[in-house]
């Protein structure tokens, strides 16, 4: 069975994924936005006397407004399902690495000291970041 700490971290990871999902959707849309999300600025008095349109990238609030107007609030949570499926294994790997590293570092530094916790957390983060994945 999972310890209370592991359950709390799993719940925290789940809540974090849910809360940040709308921000991820807006970020992704801004990174790959189509011309429909852009605002055209009209500049008059050019050298040729004709107007020139310049495309300006919208800000996050404008992008959020367009998404809500055209697709509705549910669209802000697109991709949440796979993200939630990935939270449990990701947290499990992180805390297994953290626990293993902490156990070894307790013999090197003062047991359960700040250094032990910080280095263990950093090593677990590095391990999860560089863990080979099959995609």
C-alpha atoms as a PDB file:
ATOM      1  CA  UNK A   1       0.000   0.000   0.000  1.00  0.00           C
ATOM      2  CA  UNK A   2       1.067   3.569  -0.628  1.00  0.00           C
ATOM      3  CA  UNK A   3       2.099   5.743   2.276  1.00  0.00           C
ATOM      4  CA  UNK A   4       0.136   8.850   3.201  1.00  0.00           C
ATOM      5  CA  UNK A   5       2.923  11.033   1.768  1.00  0.00           C
ATOM      6  CA  UNK A   6       2.722   9.243  -1.586  1.00  0.00           C
ATOM      7  CA  UNK A   7      -1.060   9.600  -1.684  1.00  0.00           C
ATOM      8  CA  UNK A   8      -0.826  13.314  -0.855  1.00  0.00           C
ATOM      9  CA  UNK A   9       1.788  13.865  -3.562  1.00  0.00           C
ATOM     10  CA  UNK A  10      -0.319  11.967  -6.089  1.00  0.00           C
ATOM     11  CA  UNK A  11      -3.327  14.134  -5.182  1.00  0.00           C
ATOM     12  CA  UNK A  12      -1.169  17.252  -5.367  1.00  0.00           C
ATOM     13  CA  UNK A  13       0.113  16.252  -8.784  1.00  0.00           C
ATOM     14  CA  UNK A  14      -3.432  15.618  -9.971  1.00  0.00           C
ATOM     15  CA  UNK A  15      -4.732  18.959  -8.691  1.00  0.00           C
ATOM     16  CA  UNK A  16      -1.709  20.717 -10.187  1.00  0.00           C
ATOM     17  CA  UNK A  17      -2.342  19.132 -13.588  1.00  0.00           C
ATOM     18  CA  UNK A  18      -6.009  20.170 -13.489  1.00  0.00           C
ATOM     19  CA  UNK A  19      -5.271  23.754 -12.431  1.00  0.00           C
ATOM     20  CA  UNK A  20      -2.513  24.318 -14.973  1.00  0.00           C
ATOM     21  CA  UNK A  21      -4.279  22.663 -17.919  1.00  0.00           C
ATOM     22  CA  UNK A  22      -5.975  25.898 -19.124  1.00  0.00           C
ATOM     23  CA  UNK A  23      -2.611  27.674 -19.017  1.00  0.00           C
ATOM     24  CA  UNK A  24      -1.037  24.879 -21.051  1.00  0.00           C
ATOM     25  CA  UNK A  25      -3.830  25.104 -23.650  1.00  0.00           C
ATOM     26  CA  UNK A  26      -3.361  28.883 -23.995  1.00  0.00           C
ATOM     27  CA  UNK A  27       0.438  28.476 -24.171  1.00  0.00           C
ATOM     28  CA  UNK A  28       0.137  25.813 -26.861  1.00  0.00           C
ATOM     29  CA  UNK A  29      -2.305  27.924 -28.875  1.00  0.00           C
ATOM     30  CA  UNK A  30      -0.005  30.936 -28.685  1.00  0.00           C
ATOM     31  CA  UNK A  31       2.953  28.836 -29.822  1.00  0.00           C
ATOM     32  CA  UNK A  32       1.110  27.392 -32.798  1.00  0.00           C
ATOM     33  CA  UNK A  33      -1.641  29.926 -33.333  1.00  0.00           C
ATOM     34  CA  UNK A  34      -3.157  30.290 -36.740  1.00  0.00           C
ATOM     35  CA  UNK A  35      -3.890  33.570 -38.460  1.00  0.00           C
ATOM     36  CA  UNK A  36      -7.405  33.551 -36.967  1.00  0.00           C
ATOM     37  CA  UNK A  37      -5.957  34.375 -33.547  1.00  0.00           C
ATOM     38  CA  UNK A  38      -3.897  37.275 -34.847  1.00  0.00           C
ATOM     39  CA  UNK A  39      -4.941  40.907 -34.808  1.00  0.00           C
ATOM     40  CA  UNK A  40      -4.207  42.982 -37.882  1.00  0.00           C
ATOM     41  CA  UNK A  41      -2.903  46.475 -37.342  1.00  0.00           C
ATOM     42  CA  UNK A  42      -3.441  48.957 -40.146  1.00  0.00           C
ATOM     43  CA  UNK A  43      -0.703  51.491 -40.802  1.00  0.00           C
ATOM     44  CA  UNK A  44      -1.546  54.467 -42.980  1.00  0.00           C
ATOM     45  CA  UNK A  45       0.701  57.087 -44.583  1.00  0.00           C
ATOM     46  CA  UNK A  46       3.253  54.673 -45.975  1.00  0.00           C
ATOM     47  CA  UNK A  47       5.665  55.866 -48.635  1.00  0.00           C
ATOM     48  CA  UNK A  48       3.491  54.518 -51.444  1.00  0.00           C
ATOM     49  CA  UNK A  49       0.393  56.049 -49.886  1.00  0.00           C
ATOM     50  CA  UNK A  50      -1.320  52.666 -49.452  1.00  0.00           C
ATOM     51  CA  UNK A  51      -2.136  51.007 -46.178  1.00  0.00           C
ATOM     52  CA  UNK A  52      -0.024  48.109 -44.942  1.00  0.00           C
ATOM     53  CA  UNK A  53      -1.295  45.326 -42.717  1.00  0.00           C
ATOM     54  CA  UNK A  54       1.095  44.006 -40.117  1.00  0.00           C
ATOM     55  CA  UNK A  55       0.271  40.836 -38.198  1.00  0.00           C
ATOM     56  CA  UNK A  56       0.730  41.147 -34.435  1.00  0.00           C
ATOM     57  CA  UNK A  57       0.702  38.167 -32.099  1.00  0.00           C
ATOM     58  CA  UNK A  58      -2.107  38.264 -29.510  1.00  0.00           C
ATOM     59  CA  UNK A  59      -1.485  38.173 -25.793  1.00  0.00           C
ATOM     60  CA  UNK A  60      -2.547  35.334 -23.506  1.00  0.00           C
ATOM     61  CA  UNK A  61      -5.717  37.105 -22.363  1.00  0.00           C
ATOM     62  CA  UNK A  62      -6.863  37.715 -25.939  1.00  0.00           C
ATOM     63  CA  UNK A  63      -6.129  34.087 -26.788  1.00  0.00           C
ATOM     64  CA  UNK A  64      -8.097  32.929 -23.717  1.00  0.00           C
ATOM     65  CA  UNK A  65     -11.021  35.153 -24.720  1.00  0.00           C
ATOM     66  CA  UNK A  66     -11.056  33.763 -28.282  1.00  0.00           C
ATOM     67  CA  UNK A  67     -10.924  30.168 -27.029  1.00  0.00           C
ATOM     68  CA  UNK A  68     -13.794  30.758 -24.596  1.00  0.00           C
ATOM     69  CA  UNK A  69     -15.922  32.558 -27.198  1.00  0.00           C
ATOM     70  CA  UNK A  70     -15.390  30.115 -30.066  1.00  0.00           C
ATOM     71  CA  UNK A  71     -14.949  26.766 -28.298  1.00  0.00           C
ATOM     72  CA  UNK A  72     -16.353  27.142 -24.786  1.00  0.00           C
ATOM     73  CA  UNK A  73     -14.844  26.562 -21.336  1.00  0.00           C
ATOM     74  CA  UNK A  74     -14.481  22.781 -21.777  1.00  0.00           C
ATOM     75  CA  UNK A  75     -11.893  23.332 -24.508  1.00  0.00           C
ATOM     76  CA  UNK A  76      -9.506  24.732 -21.870  1.00  0.00           C
ATOM     77  CA  UNK A  77      -9.149  21.195 -20.525  1.00  0.00           C
ATOM     78  CA  UNK A  78      -8.223  19.453 -23.771  1.00  0.00           C
ATOM     79  CA  UNK A  79      -5.490  16.902 -23.247  1.00  0.00           C
ATOM     80  CA  UNK A  80      -6.141  16.631 -19.519  1.00  0.00           C
ATOM     81  CA  UNK A  81      -6.948  12.900 -19.629  1.00  0.00           C
ATOM     82  CA  UNK A  82      -3.553  11.700 -20.863  1.00  0.00           C
ATOM     83  CA  UNK A  83      -1.883  14.183 -18.539  1.00  0.00           C
ATOM     84  CA  UNK A  84      -3.716  12.710 -15.541  1.00  0.00           C
ATOM     85  CA  UNK A  85      -2.825   9.180 -16.626  1.00  0.00           C
ATOM     86  CA  UNK A  86       0.828  10.241 -16.617  1.00  0.00           C
ATOM     87  CA  UNK A  87       0.729  11.835 -13.164  1.00  0.00           C
ATOM     88  CA  UNK A  88       0.646   8.570 -11.177  1.00  0.00           C
ATOM     89  CA  UNK A  89       3.647   6.860 -12.793  1.00  0.00           C
ATOM     90  CA  UNK A  90       5.593  10.106 -12.893  1.00  0.00           C
ATOM     91  CA  UNK A  91       5.042  10.751  -9.184  1.00  0.00           C
ATOM     92  CA  UNK A  92       5.801   7.111  -8.369  1.00  0.00           C
ATOM     93  CA  UNK A  93       9.134   7.253 -10.213  1.00  0.00           C
ATOM     94  CA  UNK A  94       9.997  10.620  -8.657  1.00  0.00           C
ATOM     95  CA  UNK A  95       9.335   9.512  -5.097  1.00  0.00           C
ATOM     96  CA  UNK A  96      11.061   6.155  -5.545  1.00  0.00           C
ATOM     97  CA  UNK A  97      14.167   8.012  -6.772  1.00  0.00           C
ATOM     98  CA  UNK A  98      13.838  10.597  -3.999  1.00  0.00           C
ATOM     99  CA  UNK A  99      13.501   7.943  -1.303  1.00  0.00           C
ATOM    100  CA  UNK A 100      16.419   5.908  -2.660  1.00  0.00           C
ATOM    101  CA  UNK A 101      18.681   8.943  -2.901  1.00  0.00           C
ATOM    102  CA  UNK A 102      17.660  10.186   0.556  1.00  0.00           C
ATOM    103  CA  UNK A 103      18.447   6.786   2.068  1.00  0.00           C
ATOM    104  CA  UNK A 104      21.962   6.864   0.601  1.00  0.00           C
ATOM    105  CA  UNK A 105      22.633  10.516   1.484  1.00  0.00           C
ATOM    106  CA  UNK A 106      21.573  10.040   5.109  1.00  0.00           C
ATOM    107  CA  UNK A 107      24.846   8.098   5.508  1.00  0.00           C
ATOM    108  CA  UNK A 108      26.881  10.948   4.013  1.00  0.00           C
ATOM    109  CA  UNK A 109      25.252  14.047   5.577  1.00  0.00           C
ATOM    110  CA  UNK A 110      23.395  14.595   8.834  1.00  0.00           C
ATOM    111  CA  UNK A 111      20.329  12.335   8.561  1.00  0.00           C
ATOM    112  CA  UNK A 112      17.227  14.114   7.247  1.00  0.00           C
ATOM    113  CA  UNK A 113      19.093  17.432   7.020  1.00  0.00           C
ATOM    114  CA  UNK A 114      18.240  20.192   4.573  1.00  0.00           C
ATOM    115  CA  UNK A 115      21.113  19.100   2.340  1.00  0.00           C
ATOM    116  CA  UNK A 116      19.771  15.544   2.185  1.00  0.00           C
ATOM    117  CA  UNK A 117      16.283  16.696   1.195  1.00  0.00           C
ATOM    118  CA  UNK A 118      17.470  19.262  -1.361  1.00  0.00           C
ATOM    119  CA  UNK A 119      19.988  16.992  -3.070  1.00  0.00           C
ATOM    120  CA  UNK A 120      17.520  14.083  -3.069  1.00  0.00           C
ATOM    121  CA  UNK A 121      14.821  16.243  -4.646  1.00  0.00           C
ATOM    122  CA  UNK A 122      17.247  17.574  -7.265  1.00  0.00           C
ATOM    123  CA  UNK A 123      18.500  14.099  -8.133  1.00  0.00           C
ATOM    124  CA  UNK A 124      14.945  12.725  -8.375  1.00  0.00           C
ATOM    125  CA  UNK A 125      14.004  15.597 -10.695  1.00  0.00           C
ATOM    126  CA  UNK A 126      17.051  14.981 -12.867  1.00  0.00           C
ATOM    127  CA  UNK A 127      16.333  11.252 -12.959  1.00  0.00           C
ATOM    128  CA  UNK A 128      12.724  11.817 -14.055  1.00  0.00           C
ATOM    129  CA  UNK A 129      13.797  14.350 -16.669  1.00  0.00           C
ATOM    130  CA  UNK A 130      16.381  12.118 -18.304  1.00  0.00           C
ATOM    131  CA  UNK A 131      14.696   8.753 -17.799  1.00  0.00           C
ATOM    132  CA  UNK A 132      14.577   7.048 -21.201  1.00  0.00           C
ATOM    133  CA  UNK A 133      11.030   6.885 -22.560  1.00  0.00           C
ATOM    134  CA  UNK A 134       9.585   4.917 -25.444  1.00  0.00           C
ATOM    135  CA  UNK A 135       7.295   7.079 -27.551  1.00  0.00           C
END
